[in-house]
């Protein structure tokens, strides 16, 4: 039991970088697809329900994209000797960054009215 607990355990995406990159790419693709499909509700009297539904989605999905960015980045750093992971990692990071940008655009439009 001596010396146990001194080093922090590695997360699964650091132990298996290819799986972390694949997960990040899947999250990036899904959030990018949802972000591109997310539309602002029309400005009318019955739009309150649409706003109430849109706002939590627009706040939750950027969190998933940020997690995808973090997991992809950490998996890439853990997979330094694996050059074949460069392209999938860059695609995953780009997809997550674009999804974040789309969500930010929707939020700015939503809050501006």
C-alpha atoms as a PDB file:
ATOM      1  CA  UNK A   1       0.000   0.000   0.000  1.00  0.00           C
ATOM      2  CA  UNK A   2       3.017   2.268   0.217  1.00  0.00           C
ATOM      3  CA  UNK A   3       3.220   4.839  -2.555  1.00  0.00           C
ATOM      4  CA  UNK A   4      -0.282   4.062  -3.705  1.00  0.00           C
ATOM      5  CA  UNK A   5      -2.328   7.057  -4.777  1.00  0.00           C
ATOM      6  CA  UNK A   6       0.658   9.299  -5.505  1.00  0.00           C
ATOM      7  CA  UNK A   7       0.181   9.297  -9.274  1.00  0.00           C
ATOM      8  CA  UNK A   8      -3.151  10.220 -10.762  1.00  0.00           C
ATOM      9  CA  UNK A   9      -4.661   7.432 -12.874  1.00  0.00           C
ATOM     10  CA  UNK A  10      -4.815   7.982 -16.600  1.00  0.00           C
ATOM     11  CA  UNK A  11      -8.179   8.475 -18.184  1.00  0.00           C
ATOM     12  CA  UNK A  12      -9.383   5.996 -20.785  1.00  0.00           C
ATOM     13  CA  UNK A  13      -8.686   8.323 -23.722  1.00  0.00           C
ATOM     14  CA  UNK A  14      -5.088   8.710 -22.582  1.00  0.00           C
ATOM     15  CA  UNK A  15      -4.624   4.947 -22.247  1.00  0.00           C
ATOM     16  CA  UNK A  16      -6.262   4.316 -25.635  1.00  0.00           C
ATOM     17  CA  UNK A  17      -5.632   7.426 -27.754  1.00  0.00           C
ATOM     18  CA  UNK A  18      -7.222   5.995 -30.906  1.00  0.00           C
ATOM     19  CA  UNK A  19     -10.485   5.445 -29.013  1.00  0.00           C
ATOM     20  CA  UNK A  20     -10.325   8.973 -27.601  1.00  0.00           C
ATOM     21  CA  UNK A  21      -9.819  10.446 -31.064  1.00  0.00           C
ATOM     22  CA  UNK A  22     -12.679   8.326 -32.462  1.00  0.00           C
ATOM     23  CA  UNK A  23     -14.947   9.443 -29.616  1.00  0.00           C
ATOM     24  CA  UNK A  24     -13.995  13.073 -30.155  1.00  0.00           C
ATOM     25  CA  UNK A  25     -14.666  12.742 -33.879  1.00  0.00           C
ATOM     26  CA  UNK A  26     -18.079  11.172 -33.230  1.00  0.00           C
ATOM     27  CA  UNK A  27     -19.021  13.893 -30.735  1.00  0.00           C
ATOM     28  CA  UNK A  28     -17.782  16.569 -33.131  1.00  0.00           C
ATOM     29  CA  UNK A  29     -19.741  15.157 -36.060  1.00  0.00           C
ATOM     30  CA  UNK A  30     -22.927  14.788 -34.013  1.00  0.00           C
ATOM     31  CA  UNK A  31     -22.768  18.239 -32.457  1.00  0.00           C
ATOM     32  CA  UNK A  32     -21.868  19.807 -35.806  1.00  0.00           C
ATOM     33  CA  UNK A  33     -24.877  18.106 -37.407  1.00  0.00           C
ATOM     34  CA  UNK A  34     -27.197  19.273 -34.629  1.00  0.00           C
ATOM     35  CA  UNK A  35     -25.707  22.790 -34.631  1.00  0.00           C
ATOM     36  CA  UNK A  36     -26.232  23.137 -38.363  1.00  0.00           C
ATOM     37  CA  UNK A  37     -29.843  21.948 -37.988  1.00  0.00           C
ATOM     38  CA  UNK A  38     -30.597  24.235 -35.038  1.00  0.00           C
ATOM     39  CA  UNK A  39     -32.818  27.088 -36.155  1.00  0.00           C
ATOM     40  CA  UNK A  40     -34.060  30.116 -34.328  1.00  0.00           C
ATOM     41  CA  UNK A  41     -37.742  30.077 -33.423  1.00  0.00           C
ATOM     42  CA  UNK A  42     -39.970  32.486 -35.287  1.00  0.00           C
ATOM     43  CA  UNK A  43     -40.875  35.739 -33.592  1.00  0.00           C
ATOM     44  CA  UNK A  44     -44.556  35.341 -32.754  1.00  0.00           C
ATOM     45  CA  UNK A  45     -46.717  35.140 -29.676  1.00  0.00           C
ATOM     46  CA  UNK A  46     -46.559  31.335 -29.421  1.00  0.00           C
ATOM     47  CA  UNK A  47     -42.758  31.315 -29.694  1.00  0.00           C
ATOM     48  CA  UNK A  48     -42.206  31.229 -25.922  1.00  0.00           C
ATOM     49  CA  UNK A  49     -42.327  27.436 -25.874  1.00  0.00           C
ATOM     50  CA  UNK A  50     -39.878  27.293 -28.773  1.00  0.00           C
ATOM     51  CA  UNK A  51     -37.480  29.569 -26.902  1.00  0.00           C
ATOM     52  CA  UNK A  52     -37.793  27.443 -23.774  1.00  0.00           C
ATOM     53  CA  UNK A  53     -36.933  24.337 -25.779  1.00  0.00           C
ATOM     54  CA  UNK A  54     -34.138  25.935 -27.829  1.00  0.00           C
ATOM     55  CA  UNK A  55     -32.250  27.564 -24.993  1.00  0.00           C
ATOM     56  CA  UNK A  56     -31.333  24.407 -22.999  1.00  0.00           C
ATOM     57  CA  UNK A  57     -30.291  22.641 -26.198  1.00  0.00           C
ATOM     58  CA  UNK A  58     -28.208  25.615 -27.247  1.00  0.00           C
ATOM     59  CA  UNK A  59     -26.541  25.641 -23.829  1.00  0.00           C
ATOM     60  CA  UNK A  60     -25.991  21.885 -23.448  1.00  0.00           C
ATOM     61  CA  UNK A  61     -24.514  20.992 -26.808  1.00  0.00           C
ATOM     62  CA  UNK A  62     -21.555  23.424 -26.655  1.00  0.00           C
ATOM     63  CA  UNK A  63     -20.553  21.687 -23.452  1.00  0.00           C
ATOM     64  CA  UNK A  64     -20.416  18.403 -25.338  1.00  0.00           C
ATOM     65  CA  UNK A  65     -18.337  20.048 -28.073  1.00  0.00           C
ATOM     66  CA  UNK A  66     -15.938  21.461 -25.502  1.00  0.00           C
ATOM     67  CA  UNK A  67     -15.613  17.992 -23.963  1.00  0.00           C
ATOM     68  CA  UNK A  68     -14.920  16.571 -27.423  1.00  0.00           C
ATOM     69  CA  UNK A  69     -12.218  19.196 -27.932  1.00  0.00           C
ATOM     70  CA  UNK A  70     -10.623  18.389 -24.589  1.00  0.00           C
ATOM     71  CA  UNK A  71     -10.722  14.611 -25.096  1.00  0.00           C
ATOM     72  CA  UNK A  72      -9.380  14.892 -28.639  1.00  0.00           C
ATOM     73  CA  UNK A  73      -6.543  17.175 -27.574  1.00  0.00           C
ATOM     74  CA  UNK A  74      -5.517  15.022 -24.620  1.00  0.00           C
ATOM     75  CA  UNK A  75      -5.730  11.831 -26.691  1.00  0.00           C
ATOM     76  CA  UNK A  76      -3.543  13.408 -29.361  1.00  0.00           C
ATOM     77  CA  UNK A  77      -0.963  14.435 -26.788  1.00  0.00           C
ATOM     78  CA  UNK A  78      -0.947  10.895 -25.380  1.00  0.00           C
ATOM     79  CA  UNK A  79      -0.517   9.428 -28.885  1.00  0.00           C
ATOM     80  CA  UNK A  80       2.597  11.410 -29.801  1.00  0.00           C
ATOM     81  CA  UNK A  81       4.403   8.490 -31.523  1.00  0.00           C
ATOM     82  CA  UNK A  82       1.350   7.589 -33.644  1.00  0.00           C
ATOM     83  CA  UNK A  83       1.578   9.797 -36.723  1.00  0.00           C
ATOM     84  CA  UNK A  84      -1.472   8.174 -38.313  1.00  0.00           C
ATOM     85  CA  UNK A  85      -3.722   9.829 -35.718  1.00  0.00           C
ATOM     86  CA  UNK A  86      -2.864  13.350 -36.889  1.00  0.00           C
ATOM     87  CA  UNK A  87      -5.522  13.633 -39.609  1.00  0.00           C
ATOM     88  CA  UNK A  88      -8.426  12.118 -37.592  1.00  0.00           C
ATOM     89  CA  UNK A  89      -7.483  14.267 -34.607  1.00  0.00           C
ATOM     90  CA  UNK A  90      -7.396  17.442 -36.673  1.00  0.00           C
ATOM     91  CA  UNK A  91     -10.781  16.539 -38.181  1.00  0.00           C
ATOM     92  CA  UNK A  92     -12.212  15.929 -34.701  1.00  0.00           C
ATOM     93  CA  UNK A  93     -10.847  19.200 -33.354  1.00  0.00           C
ATOM     94  CA  UNK A  94     -12.098  21.099 -36.399  1.00  0.00           C
ATOM     95  CA  UNK A  95     -15.587  19.564 -36.173  1.00  0.00           C
ATOM     96  CA  UNK A  96     -15.872  20.405 -32.474  1.00  0.00           C
ATOM     97  CA  UNK A  97     -14.565  23.947 -32.990  1.00  0.00           C
ATOM     98  CA  UNK A  98     -17.010  24.554 -35.872  1.00  0.00           C
ATOM     99  CA  UNK A  99     -19.884  23.211 -33.774  1.00  0.00           C
ATOM    100  CA  UNK A 100     -18.931  25.592 -30.962  1.00  0.00           C
ATOM    101  CA  UNK A 101     -18.840  28.496 -33.422  1.00  0.00           C
ATOM    102  CA  UNK A 102     -22.280  27.599 -34.806  1.00  0.00           C
ATOM    103  CA  UNK A 103     -23.732  27.364 -31.298  1.00  0.00           C
ATOM    104  CA  UNK A 104     -22.216  30.705 -30.398  1.00  0.00           C
ATOM    105  CA  UNK A 105     -23.768  32.253 -33.516  1.00  0.00           C
ATOM    106  CA  UNK A 106     -27.203  30.817 -32.622  1.00  0.00           C
ATOM    107  CA  UNK A 107     -26.902  32.065 -29.020  1.00  0.00           C
ATOM    108  CA  UNK A 108     -25.939  35.568 -30.137  1.00  0.00           C
ATOM    109  CA  UNK A 109     -28.898  35.670 -32.519  1.00  0.00           C
ATOM    110  CA  UNK A 110     -31.223  34.274 -29.869  1.00  0.00           C
ATOM    111  CA  UNK A 111     -30.171  36.817 -27.261  1.00  0.00           C
ATOM    112  CA  UNK A 112     -30.225  39.761 -29.681  1.00  0.00           C
ATOM    113  CA  UNK A 113     -33.800  38.996 -30.562  1.00  0.00           C
END
